[in-house]
Amino acid sequence: MFRAKVAEQPENNLFRFSLGQALFTEENFADAYEHLKYCADKKADWMVPRILLGKVCLKLNQIPDATKWLEEALQLAIIQNHEGPEAEIRELLNIS
């Protein structure tokens, strides 16, 4: 469903995010990366795509990239006062 929506409106951030999230859930990490990165590039303060990008990179064993995305997400979680995501990100980064 989201593939069709993205095909119709490739510039729609929410459609791209939804597709990336669905692909992540399906463990199609390489394809998920493209759509989630698009979202992160389009909106500097969007934390969730960065968390998912970090998780994608972890699944693909791309540790330096995972760290980069998760550190960006952590800064956004702190700034935006999102305690739950902050704790999850810290756990993924293994920092306290």
C-alpha atoms as a PDB file:
ATOM      1  CA  MET A   1       0.000   0.000   0.000  1.00  0.00           C
ATOM      2  CA  PHE A   2       2.741   2.474   0.947  1.00  0.00           C
ATOM      3  CA  ARG A   3       4.768   1.649  -2.164  1.00  0.00           C
ATOM      4  CA  ALA A   4       1.843   2.807  -4.305  1.00  0.00           C
ATOM      5  CA  LYS A   5       1.442   5.980  -2.275  1.00  0.00           C
ATOM      6  CA  VAL A   6       5.162   6.768  -2.555  1.00  0.00           C
ATOM      7  CA  ALA A   7       5.022   6.080  -6.296  1.00  0.00           C
ATOM      8  CA  GLU A   8       2.168   8.598  -6.585  1.00  0.00           C
ATOM      9  CA  GLN A   9       3.731  11.193  -4.269  1.00  0.00           C
ATOM     10  CA  PRO A  10       7.473  10.529  -3.873  1.00  0.00           C
ATOM     11  CA  GLU A  11       8.016  13.850  -2.085  1.00  0.00           C
ATOM     12  CA  ASN A  12       5.505  13.061   0.674  1.00  0.00           C
ATOM     13  CA  ASN A  13       7.554  12.643   3.865  1.00  0.00           C
ATOM     14  CA  LEU A  14       4.849  10.756   5.744  1.00  0.00           C
ATOM     15  CA  PHE A  15       4.362   8.233   2.943  1.00  0.00           C
ATOM     16  CA  ARG A  16       8.124   7.724   2.705  1.00  0.00           C
ATOM     17  CA  PHE A  17       8.384   7.293   6.474  1.00  0.00           C
ATOM     18  CA  SER A  18       5.488   4.835   6.570  1.00  0.00           C
ATOM     19  CA  LEU A  19       7.060   2.793   3.776  1.00  0.00           C
ATOM     20  CA  GLY A  20      10.454   2.836   5.502  1.00  0.00           C
ATOM     21  CA  GLN A  21       8.878   1.758   8.771  1.00  0.00           C
ATOM     22  CA  ALA A  22       6.940  -1.057   7.070  1.00  0.00           C
ATOM     23  CA  LEU A  23      10.085  -2.259   5.289  1.00  0.00           C
ATOM     24  CA  PHE A  24      11.941  -2.201   8.614  1.00  0.00           C
ATOM     25  CA  THR A  25       9.203  -4.304  10.195  1.00  0.00           C
ATOM     26  CA  GLU A  26       9.489  -6.745   7.279  1.00  0.00           C
ATOM     27  CA  GLU A  27      13.264  -6.847   7.914  1.00  0.00           C
ATOM     28  CA  ASN A  28      13.932  -5.420   4.454  1.00  0.00           C
ATOM     29  CA  PHE A  29      16.638  -3.219   5.925  1.00  0.00           C
ATOM     30  CA  ALA A  30      18.420  -2.111   2.755  1.00  0.00           C
ATOM     31  CA  ASP A  31      15.213  -0.776   1.203  1.00  0.00           C
ATOM     32  CA  ALA A  32      14.052   0.720   4.496  1.00  0.00           C
ATOM     33  CA  TYR A  33      17.303   2.696   4.732  1.00  0.00           C
ATOM     34  CA  GLU A  34      16.613   4.624   1.510  1.00  0.00           C
ATOM     35  CA  HIS A  35      13.214   5.879   2.637  1.00  0.00           C
ATOM     36  CA  LEU A  36      14.187   6.603   6.226  1.00  0.00           C
ATOM     37  CA  LYS A  37      17.276   8.522   5.112  1.00  0.00           C
ATOM     38  CA  TYR A  38      15.111  10.580   2.784  1.00  0.00           C
ATOM     39  CA  CYS A  39      12.979  11.561   5.790  1.00  0.00           C
ATOM     40  CA  ALA A  40      15.973  12.349   7.980  1.00  0.00           C
ATOM     41  CA  ASP A  41      17.520  14.464   5.233  1.00  0.00           C
ATOM     42  CA  LYS A  42      14.285  16.397   4.690  1.00  0.00           C
ATOM     43  CA  LYS A  43      13.593  17.192   8.340  1.00  0.00           C
ATOM     44  CA  ALA A  44      16.521  17.887  10.672  1.00  0.00           C
ATOM     45  CA  ASP A  45      14.445  17.576  13.854  1.00  0.00           C
ATOM     46  CA  TRP A  46      12.665  14.285  13.046  1.00  0.00           C
ATOM     47  CA  MET A  47      13.959  11.872  15.645  1.00  0.00           C
ATOM     48  CA  VAL A  48      12.163   8.605  14.808  1.00  0.00           C
ATOM     49  CA  PRO A  49      13.637   8.087  11.320  1.00  0.00           C
ATOM     50  CA  ARG A  50      17.091   8.512  12.877  1.00  0.00           C
ATOM     51  CA  ILE A  51      16.356   5.873  15.515  1.00  0.00           C
ATOM     52  CA  LEU A  52      15.192   3.475  12.826  1.00  0.00           C
ATOM     53  CA  LEU A  53      18.218   4.314  10.656  1.00  0.00           C
ATOM     54  CA  GLY A  54      20.439   3.463  13.608  1.00  0.00           C
ATOM     55  CA  LYS A  55      18.639   0.151  14.050  1.00  0.00           C
ATOM     56  CA  VAL A  56      18.859  -0.563  10.314  1.00  0.00           C
ATOM     57  CA  CYS A  57      22.601   0.059  10.371  1.00  0.00           C
ATOM     58  CA  LEU A  58      22.976  -2.193  13.411  1.00  0.00           C
ATOM     59  CA  LYS A  59      21.119  -4.970  11.570  1.00  0.00           C
ATOM     60  CA  LEU A  60      23.398  -4.445   8.551  1.00  0.00           C
ATOM     61  CA  ASN A  61      26.465  -4.463  10.842  1.00  0.00           C
ATOM     62  CA  GLN A  62      27.349  -0.890   9.874  1.00  0.00           C
ATOM     63  CA  ILE A  63      28.344   0.166  13.371  1.00  0.00           C
ATOM     64  CA  PRO A  64      29.897   3.600  12.612  1.00  0.00           C
ATOM     65  CA  ASP A  65      26.795   4.644  10.673  1.00  0.00           C
ATOM     66  CA  ALA A  66      24.522   3.250  13.382  1.00  0.00           C
ATOM     67  CA  THR A  67      26.393   5.259  16.002  1.00  0.00           C
ATOM     68  CA  LYS A  68      26.090   8.436  13.926  1.00  0.00           C
ATOM     69  CA  TRP A  69      22.335   8.090  13.473  1.00  0.00           C
ATOM     70  CA  LEU A  70      21.720   7.098  17.076  1.00  0.00           C
ATOM     71  CA  GLU A  71      23.812   9.973  18.436  1.00  0.00           C
ATOM     72  CA  GLU A  72      21.808  12.410  16.297  1.00  0.00           C
ATOM     73  CA  ALA A  73      18.583  10.830  17.551  1.00  0.00           C
ATOM     74  CA  LEU A  74      19.812  11.028  21.146  1.00  0.00           C
ATOM     75  CA  GLN A  75      20.466  14.750  20.858  1.00  0.00           C
ATOM     76  CA  LEU A  76      16.968  15.269  19.441  1.00  0.00           C
ATOM     77  CA  ALA A  77      15.415  13.134  22.193  1.00  0.00           C
ATOM     78  CA  ILE A  78      17.162  15.238  24.834  1.00  0.00           C
ATOM     79  CA  ILE A  79      16.229  18.555  23.196  1.00  0.00           C
ATOM     80  CA  GLN A  80      12.640  17.455  22.625  1.00  0.00           C
ATOM     81  CA  ASN A  81      12.268  15.933  26.105  1.00  0.00           C
ATOM     82  CA  HIS A  82      11.406  12.415  24.896  1.00  0.00           C
ATOM     83  CA  GLU A  83      12.469  10.296  27.876  1.00  0.00           C
ATOM     84  CA  GLY A  84      11.331   6.917  26.515  1.00  0.00           C
ATOM     85  CA  PRO A  85      13.170   7.225  23.209  1.00  0.00           C
ATOM     86  CA  GLU A  86      16.178   8.688  25.021  1.00  0.00           C
ATOM     87  CA  ALA A  87      16.409   5.597  27.232  1.00  0.00           C
ATOM     88  CA  GLU A  88      16.026   3.285  24.227  1.00  0.00           C
ATOM     89  CA  ILE A  89      18.721   5.112  22.291  1.00  0.00           C
ATOM     90  CA  ARG A  90      21.109   5.084  25.253  1.00  0.00           C
ATOM     91  CA  GLU A  91      20.580   1.341  25.540  1.00  0.00           C
ATOM     92  CA  LEU A  92      21.288   0.885  21.832  1.00  0.00           C
ATOM     93  CA  LEU A  93      24.438   2.962  22.200  1.00  0.00           C
ATOM     94  CA  ASN A  94      25.341   1.196  25.472  1.00  0.00           C
ATOM     95  CA  ILE A  95      25.826   4.472  27.294  1.00  0.00           C
ATOM     96  CA  SER A  96      24.279   5.612  30.533  1.00  0.00           C
END
